[in-house]
């Protein structure tokens, strides 16, 4: 399968999304959620981007190579 060339990056994206989801859940358990609101918003955005990148690579979308190249820059 051609998408196998992206397997390690897809796995890393899903692991990142999972970590972001965990952080979101942890932040929402804080006593003063207002103090973590910015962190929650960033976690949600990051998880979405990671899942989108994994989906693009799985479907071999034209921009998958660009997303994969960005992995090392973040």
PDB file of N, CA and C in Angstrom:
ATOM      1  N   UNK A   1       0.838  -1.188   0.000  1.00  0.00           N
ATOM      2  CA  UNK A   1       0.000   0.000   0.000  1.00  0.00           C
ATOM      3  C   UNK A   1       0.876   1.243   0.000  1.00  0.00           C
ATOM      4  N   UNK A   2       0.636   2.152  -0.907  1.00  0.00           N
ATOM      5  CA  UNK A   2       1.469   3.352  -0.990  1.00  0.00           C
ATOM      6  C   UNK A   2       1.449   4.237   0.258  1.00  0.00           C
ATOM      7  N   UNK A   3       0.325   4.262   0.997  1.00  0.00           N
ATOM      8  CA  UNK A   3       0.287   5.133   2.171  1.00  0.00           C
ATOM      9  C   UNK A   3       1.211   4.639   3.289  1.00  0.00           C
ATOM     10  N   UNK A   4       1.741   3.426   3.149  1.00  0.00           N
ATOM     11  CA  UNK A   4       2.662   2.890   4.148  1.00  0.00           C
ATOM     12  C   UNK A   4       3.927   3.740   4.271  1.00  0.00           C
ATOM     13  N   UNK A   5       4.269   4.488   3.223  1.00  0.00           N
ATOM     14  CA  UNK A   5       5.447   5.362   3.298  1.00  0.00           C
ATOM     15  C   UNK A   5       5.287   6.417   4.385  1.00  0.00           C
ATOM     16  N   UNK A   6       4.038   6.697   4.766  1.00  0.00           N
ATOM     17  CA  UNK A   6       3.757   7.707   5.793  1.00  0.00           C
ATOM     18  C   UNK A   6       3.445   7.086   7.159  1.00  0.00           C
ATOM     19  N   UNK A   7       3.537   5.771   7.285  1.00  0.00           N
ATOM     20  CA  UNK A   7       3.080   5.082   8.498  1.00  0.00           C
ATOM     21  C   UNK A   7       3.647   5.659   9.786  1.00  0.00           C
ATOM     22  N   UNK A   8       4.932   5.869   9.856  1.00  0.00           N
ATOM     23  CA  UNK A   8       5.512   6.373  11.110  1.00  0.00           C
ATOM     24  C   UNK A   8       4.999   7.781  11.421  1.00  0.00           C
ATOM     25  N   UNK A   9       4.809   8.578  10.400  1.00  0.00           N
ATOM     26  CA  UNK A   9       4.300   9.936  10.616  1.00  0.00           C
ATOM     27  C   UNK A   9       2.817   9.906  11.018  1.00  0.00           C
ATOM     28  N   UNK A  10       2.049   9.023  10.386  1.00  0.00           N
ATOM     29  CA  UNK A  10       0.633   8.869  10.749  1.00  0.00           C
ATOM     30  C   UNK A  10       0.529   8.441  12.207  1.00  0.00           C
ATOM     31  N   UNK A  11       1.324   7.474  12.605  1.00  0.00           N
ATOM     32  CA  UNK A  11       1.327   7.014  13.998  1.00  0.00           C
ATOM     33  C   UNK A  11       1.697   8.145  14.957  1.00  0.00           C
ATOM     34  N   UNK A  12       2.683   8.938  14.576  1.00  0.00           N
ATOM     35  CA  UNK A  12       3.096  10.066  15.417  1.00  0.00           C
ATOM     36  C   UNK A  12       1.989  11.106  15.524  1.00  0.00           C
ATOM     37  N   UNK A  13       1.274  11.331  14.433  1.00  0.00           N
ATOM     38  CA  UNK A  13       0.166  12.292  14.455  1.00  0.00           C
ATOM     39  C   UNK A  13      -0.949  11.832  15.389  1.00  0.00           C
ATOM     40  N   UNK A  14      -1.282  10.539  15.313  1.00  0.00           N
ATOM     41  CA  UNK A  14      -2.323  10.019  16.209  1.00  0.00           C
ATOM     42  C   UNK A  14      -1.870  10.055  17.673  1.00  0.00           C
ATOM     43  N   UNK A  15      -0.605   9.783  17.923  1.00  0.00           N
ATOM     44  CA  UNK A  15      -0.075   9.856  19.294  1.00  0.00           C
ATOM     45  C   UNK A  15      -0.131  11.297  19.807  1.00  0.00           C
ATOM     46  N   UNK A  16       0.185  12.247  18.938  1.00  0.00           N
ATOM     47  CA  UNK A  16       0.124  13.657  19.318  1.00  0.00           C
ATOM     48  C   UNK A  16      -1.320  14.065  19.630  1.00  0.00           C
ATOM     49  N   UNK A  17      -2.260  13.649  18.792  1.00  0.00           N
ATOM     50  CA  UNK A  17      -3.666  13.971  19.018  1.00  0.00           C
ATOM     51  C   UNK A  17      -4.140  13.390  20.349  1.00  0.00           C
ATOM     52  N   UNK A  18      -3.715  12.180  20.647  1.00  0.00           N
ATOM     53  CA  UNK A  18      -4.089  11.541  21.914  1.00  0.00           C
ATOM     54  C   UNK A  18      -3.526  12.323  23.100  1.00  0.00           C
ATOM     55  N   UNK A  19      -2.292  12.761  22.990  1.00  0.00           N
ATOM     56  CA  UNK A  19      -1.680  13.551  24.061  1.00  0.00           C
ATOM     57  C   UNK A  19      -2.413  14.882  24.251  1.00  0.00           C
ATOM     58  N   UNK A  20      -2.808  15.503  23.151  1.00  0.00           N
ATOM     59  CA  UNK A  20      -3.564  16.758  23.230  1.00  0.00           C
ATOM     60  C   UNK A  20      -4.915  16.541  23.894  1.00  0.00           C
ATOM     61  N   UNK A  21      -5.581  15.440  23.542  1.00  0.00           N
ATOM     62  CA  UNK A  21      -6.877  15.121  24.161  1.00  0.00           C
ATOM     63  C   UNK A  21      -6.725  14.895  25.656  1.00  0.00           C
ATOM     64  N   UNK A  22      -5.649  14.208  26.031  1.00  0.00           N
ATOM     65  CA  UNK A  22      -5.392  13.971  27.457  1.00  0.00           C
ATOM     66  C   UNK A  22      -5.163  15.294  28.198  1.00  0.00           C
ATOM     67  N   UNK A  23      -4.399  16.178  27.585  1.00  0.00           N
ATOM     68  CA  UNK A  23      -4.131  17.479  28.197  1.00  0.00           C
ATOM     69  C   UNK A  23      -5.424  18.285  28.340  1.00  0.00           C
ATOM     70  N   UNK A  24      -6.270  18.239  27.305  1.00  0.00           N
ATOM     71  CA  UNK A  24      -7.560  18.934  27.367  1.00  0.00           C
ATOM     72  C   UNK A  24      -8.374  18.435  28.552  1.00  0.00           C
ATOM     73  N   UNK A  25      -8.477  17.116  28.666  1.00  0.00           N
ATOM     74  CA  UNK A  25      -9.253  16.531  29.759  1.00  0.00           C
ATOM     75  C   UNK A  25      -8.680  16.933  31.124  1.00  0.00           C
ATOM     76  N   UNK A  26      -7.368  16.949  31.231  1.00  0.00           N
ATOM     77  CA  UNK A  26      -6.726  17.332  32.483  1.00  0.00           C
ATOM     78  C   UNK A  26      -6.994  18.796  32.826  1.00  0.00           C
ATOM     79  N   UNK A  27      -6.887  19.646  31.820  1.00  0.00           N
ATOM     80  CA  UNK A  27      -7.133  21.075  32.039  1.00  0.00           C
ATOM     81  C   UNK A  27      -8.575  21.336  32.478  1.00  0.00           C
ATOM     82  N   UNK A  28      -9.501  20.582  31.917  1.00  0.00           N
ATOM     83  CA  UNK A  28     -10.911  20.776  32.250  1.00  0.00           C
ATOM     84  C   UNK A  28     -11.259  20.300  33.657  1.00  0.00           C
ATOM     85  N   UNK A  29     -10.357  19.547  34.284  1.00  0.00           N
ATOM     86  CA  UNK A  29     -10.573  19.078  35.658  1.00  0.00           C
ATOM     87  C   UNK A  29     -10.020  20.063  36.689  1.00  0.00           C
ATOM     88  N   UNK A  30      -9.340  21.091  36.224  1.00  0.00           N
ATOM     89  CA  UNK A  30      -8.791  22.095  37.142  1.00  0.00           C
ATOM     90  C   UNK A  30      -9.924  22.846  37.847  1.00  0.00           C
ATOM     91  N   UNK A  31      -9.646  23.329  39.042  1.00  0.00           N
ATOM     92  CA  UNK A  31     -10.662  24.062  39.806  1.00  0.00           C
ATOM     93  C   UNK A  31     -11.084  25.337  39.097  1.00  0.00           C
ATOM     94  N   UNK A  32     -10.116  26.060  38.561  1.00  0.00           N
ATOM     95  CA  UNK A  32     -10.407  27.313  37.862  1.00  0.00           C
ATOM     96  C   UNK A  32     -10.129  27.105  36.375  1.00  0.00           C
ATOM     97  N   UNK A  33     -11.124  26.610  35.667  1.00  0.00           N
ATOM     98  CA  UNK A  33     -10.973  26.284  34.254  1.00  0.00           C
ATOM     99  C   UNK A  33     -10.622  27.522  33.428  1.00  0.00           C
ATOM    100  N   UNK A  34     -11.038  28.688  33.859  1.00  0.00           N
ATOM    101  CA  UNK A  34     -10.736  29.926  33.123  1.00  0.00           C
ATOM    102  C   UNK A  34      -9.231  30.126  32.943  1.00  0.00           C
ATOM    103  N   UNK A  35      -8.452  29.697  33.918  1.00  0.00           N
ATOM    104  CA  UNK A  35      -7.004  29.884  33.825  1.00  0.00           C
ATOM    105  C   UNK A  35      -6.371  28.955  32.787  1.00  0.00           C
ATOM    106  N   UNK A  36      -7.078  27.894  32.425  1.00  0.00           N
ATOM    107  CA  UNK A  36      -6.538  26.955  31.447  1.00  0.00           C
ATOM    108  C   UNK A  36      -7.265  27.033  30.097  1.00  0.00           C
ATOM    109  N   UNK A  37      -8.145  28.002  29.936  1.00  0.00           N
ATOM    110  CA  UNK A  37      -8.952  28.108  28.710  1.00  0.00           C
ATOM    111  C   UNK A  37      -8.073  28.212  27.461  1.00  0.00           C
ATOM    112  N   UNK A  38      -7.016  28.994  27.519  1.00  0.00           N
ATOM    113  CA  UNK A  38      -6.133  29.156  26.361  1.00  0.00           C
ATOM    114  C   UNK A  38      -5.456  27.823  26.020  1.00  0.00           C
ATOM    115  N   UNK A  39      -5.019  27.106  27.025  1.00  0.00           N
ATOM    116  CA  UNK A  39      -4.379  25.808  26.832  1.00  0.00           C
ATOM    117  C   UNK A  39      -5.371  24.817  26.211  1.00  0.00           C
ATOM    118  N   UNK A  40      -6.600  24.810  26.691  1.00  0.00           N
ATOM    119  CA  UNK A  40      -7.622  23.916  26.146  1.00  0.00           C
ATOM    120  C   UNK A  40      -7.844  24.209  24.666  1.00  0.00           C
ATOM    121  N   UNK A  41      -7.951  25.486  24.312  1.00  0.00           N
ATOM    122  CA  UNK A  41      -8.159  25.868  22.913  1.00  0.00           C
ATOM    123  C   UNK A  41      -6.991  25.409  22.048  1.00  0.00           C
ATOM    124  N   UNK A  42      -5.771  25.588  22.515  1.00  0.00           N
ATOM    125  CA  UNK A  42      -4.597  25.139  21.759  1.00  0.00           C
ATOM    126  C   UNK A  42      -4.570  23.618  21.625  1.00  0.00           C
ATOM    127  N   UNK A  43      -4.911  22.911  22.693  1.00  0.00           N
ATOM    128  CA  UNK A  43      -4.951  21.448  22.650  1.00  0.00           C
ATOM    129  C   UNK A  43      -5.951  20.952  21.617  1.00  0.00           C
ATOM    130  N   UNK A  44      -7.127  21.553  21.580  1.00  0.00           N
ATOM    131  CA  UNK A  44      -8.158  21.150  20.624  1.00  0.00           C
ATOM    132  C   UNK A  44      -7.683  21.401  19.197  1.00  0.00           C
ATOM    133  N   UNK A  45      -7.109  22.577  18.964  1.00  0.00           N
ATOM    134  CA  UNK A  45      -6.596  22.896  17.619  1.00  0.00           C
ATOM    135  C   UNK A  45      -5.494  21.936  17.205  1.00  0.00           C
ATOM    136  N   UNK A  46      -4.576  21.661  18.105  1.00  0.00           N
ATOM    137  CA  UNK A  46      -3.458  20.763  17.806  1.00  0.00           C
ATOM    138  C   UNK A  46      -3.966  19.361  17.466  1.00  0.00           C
ATOM    139  N   UNK A  47      -4.897  18.849  18.261  1.00  0.00           N
ATOM    140  CA  UNK A  47      -5.440  17.511  18.007  1.00  0.00           C
ATOM    141  C   UNK A  47      -6.121  17.447  16.643  1.00  0.00           C
ATOM    142  N   UNK A  48      -6.866  18.488  16.300  1.00  0.00           N
ATOM    143  CA  UNK A  48      -7.535  18.525  14.992  1.00  0.00           C
ATOM    144  C   UNK A  48      -6.527  18.520  13.851  1.00  0.00           C
ATOM    145  N   UNK A  49      -5.488  19.327  13.979  1.00  0.00           N
ATOM    146  CA  UNK A  49      -4.457  19.397  12.939  1.00  0.00           C
ATOM    147  C   UNK A  49      -3.765  18.049  12.783  1.00  0.00           C
ATOM    148  N   UNK A  50      -3.459  17.404  13.891  1.00  0.00           N
ATOM    149  CA  UNK A  50      -2.801  16.093  13.833  1.00  0.00           C
ATOM    150  C   UNK A  50      -3.682  15.062  13.147  1.00  0.00           C
ATOM    151  N   UNK A  51      -4.959  15.038  13.489  1.00  0.00           N
ATOM    152  CA  UNK A  51      -5.864  14.077  12.859  1.00  0.00           C
ATOM    153  C   UNK A  51      -6.049  14.373  11.375  1.00  0.00           C
ATOM    154  N   UNK A  52      -6.119  15.653  11.024  1.00  0.00           N
ATOM    155  CA  UNK A  52      -6.243  16.030   9.620  1.00  0.00           C
ATOM    156  C   UNK A  52      -4.999  15.596   8.839  1.00  0.00           C
ATOM    157  N   UNK A  53      -3.839  15.838   9.404  1.00  0.00           N
ATOM    158  CA  UNK A  53      -2.598  15.453   8.737  1.00  0.00           C
ATOM    159  C   UNK A  53      -2.554  13.938   8.527  1.00  0.00           C
ATOM    160  N   UNK A  54      -2.941  13.170   9.538  1.00  0.00           N
ATOM    161  CA  UNK A  54      -2.952  11.711   9.408  1.00  0.00           C
ATOM    162  C   UNK A  54      -3.936  11.270   8.325  1.00  0.00           C
ATOM    163  N   UNK A  55      -5.081  11.905   8.270  1.00  0.00           N
ATOM    164  CA  UNK A  55      -6.080  11.560   7.258  1.00  0.00           C
ATOM    165  C   UNK A  55      -5.567  11.879   5.857  1.00  0.00           C
ATOM    166  N   UNK A  56      -4.933  13.032   5.694  1.00  0.00           N
ATOM    167  CA  UNK A  56      -4.375  13.394   4.382  1.00  0.00           C
ATOM    168  C   UNK A  56      -3.343  12.359   3.936  1.00  0.00           C
ATOM    169  N   UNK A  57      -2.489  11.979   4.856  1.00  0.00           N
ATOM    170  CA  UNK A  57      -1.456  11.003   4.501  1.00  0.00           C
ATOM    171  C   UNK A  57      -2.068   9.642   4.192  1.00  0.00           C
ATOM    172  N   UNK A  58      -3.090   9.245   4.937  1.00  0.00           N
ATOM    173  CA  UNK A  58      -3.752   7.963   4.693  1.00  0.00           C
ATOM    174  C   UNK A  58      -4.418   7.928   3.328  1.00  0.00           C
ATOM    175  N   UNK A  59      -4.947   9.074   2.920  1.00  0.00           N
ATOM    176  CA  UNK A  59      -5.632   9.148   1.623  1.00  0.00           C
ATOM    177  C   UNK A  59      -4.695   9.585   0.501  1.00  0.00           C
ATOM    178  N   UNK A  60      -3.441   9.783   0.830  1.00  0.00           N
ATOM    179  CA  UNK A  60      -2.434  10.227  -0.137  1.00  0.00           C
ATOM    180  C   UNK A  60      -2.846  11.507  -0.859  1.00  0.00           C
ATOM    181  N   UNK A  61      -3.325  12.443  -0.106  1.00  0.00           N
ATOM    182  CA  UNK A  61      -3.692  13.735  -0.673  1.00  0.00           C
ATOM    183  C   UNK A  61      -2.437  14.462  -1.121  1.00  0.00           C
ATOM    184  N   UNK A  62      -2.598  15.361  -2.053  1.00  0.00           N
ATOM    185  CA  UNK A  62      -1.471  16.051  -2.672  1.00  0.00           C
ATOM    186  C   UNK A  62      -0.609  16.805  -1.645  1.00  0.00           C
ATOM    187  N   UNK A  63      -1.221  17.291  -0.578  1.00  0.00           N
ATOM    188  CA  UNK A  63      -0.462  18.062   0.408  1.00  0.00           C
ATOM    189  C   UNK A  63       0.126  17.201   1.532  1.00  0.00           C
ATOM    190  N   UNK A  64      -0.056  15.907   1.454  1.00  0.00           N
ATOM    191  CA  UNK A  64       0.469  15.025   2.499  1.00  0.00           C
ATOM    192  C   UNK A  64       1.975  15.179   2.660  1.00  0.00           C
ATOM    193  N   UNK A  65       2.689  15.317   1.568  1.00  0.00           N
ATOM    194  CA  UNK A  65       4.151  15.473   1.653  1.00  0.00           C
ATOM    195  C   UNK A  65       4.529  16.764   2.384  1.00  0.00           C
ATOM    196  N   UNK A  66       3.763  17.817   2.184  1.00  0.00           N
ATOM    197  CA  UNK A  66       4.040  19.082   2.870  1.00  0.00           C
ATOM    198  C   UNK A  66       3.805  18.947   4.368  1.00  0.00           C
ATOM    199  N   UNK A  67       2.733  18.261   4.734  1.00  0.00           N
ATOM    200  CA  UNK A  67       2.445  18.061   6.151  1.00  0.00           C
ATOM    201  C   UNK A  67       3.526  17.216   6.802  1.00  0.00           C
ATOM    202  N   UNK A  68       3.959  16.198   6.109  1.00  0.00           N
ATOM    203  CA  UNK A  68       5.009  15.328   6.640  1.00  0.00           C
ATOM    204  C   UNK A  68       6.308  16.119   6.816  1.00  0.00           C
ATOM    205  N   UNK A  69       6.610  16.993   5.873  1.00  0.00           N
ATOM    206  CA  UNK A  69       7.833  17.796   5.952  1.00  0.00           C
ATOM    207  C   UNK A  69       7.792  18.758   7.141  1.00  0.00           C
ATOM    208  N   UNK A  70       6.608  19.210   7.513  1.00  0.00           N
ATOM    209  CA  UNK A  70       6.462  20.154   8.627  1.00  0.00           C
ATOM    210  C   UNK A  70       6.676  19.481   9.979  1.00  0.00           C
ATOM    211  N   UNK A  71       6.538  18.175  10.033  1.00  0.00           N
ATOM    212  CA  UNK A  71       6.619  17.442  11.289  1.00  0.00           C
ATOM    213  C   UNK A  71       7.855  17.800  12.083  1.00  0.00           C
ATOM    214  N   UNK A  72       8.981  17.893  11.450  1.00  0.00           N
ATOM    215  CA  UNK A  72      10.222  18.184  12.155  1.00  0.00           C
ATOM    216  C   UNK A  72      10.392  19.644  12.540  1.00  0.00           C
ATOM    217  N   UNK A  73       9.537  20.496  12.046  1.00  0.00           N
ATOM    218  CA  UNK A  73       9.669  21.941  12.302  1.00  0.00           C
ATOM    219  C   UNK A  73       8.843  22.411  13.485  1.00  0.00           C
ATOM    220  N   UNK A  74       7.952  21.570  13.975  1.00  0.00           N
ATOM    221  CA  UNK A  74       7.056  21.982  15.058  1.00  0.00           C
ATOM    222  C   UNK A  74       7.672  21.702  16.390  1.00  0.00           C
TER     223      UNK A  74
END
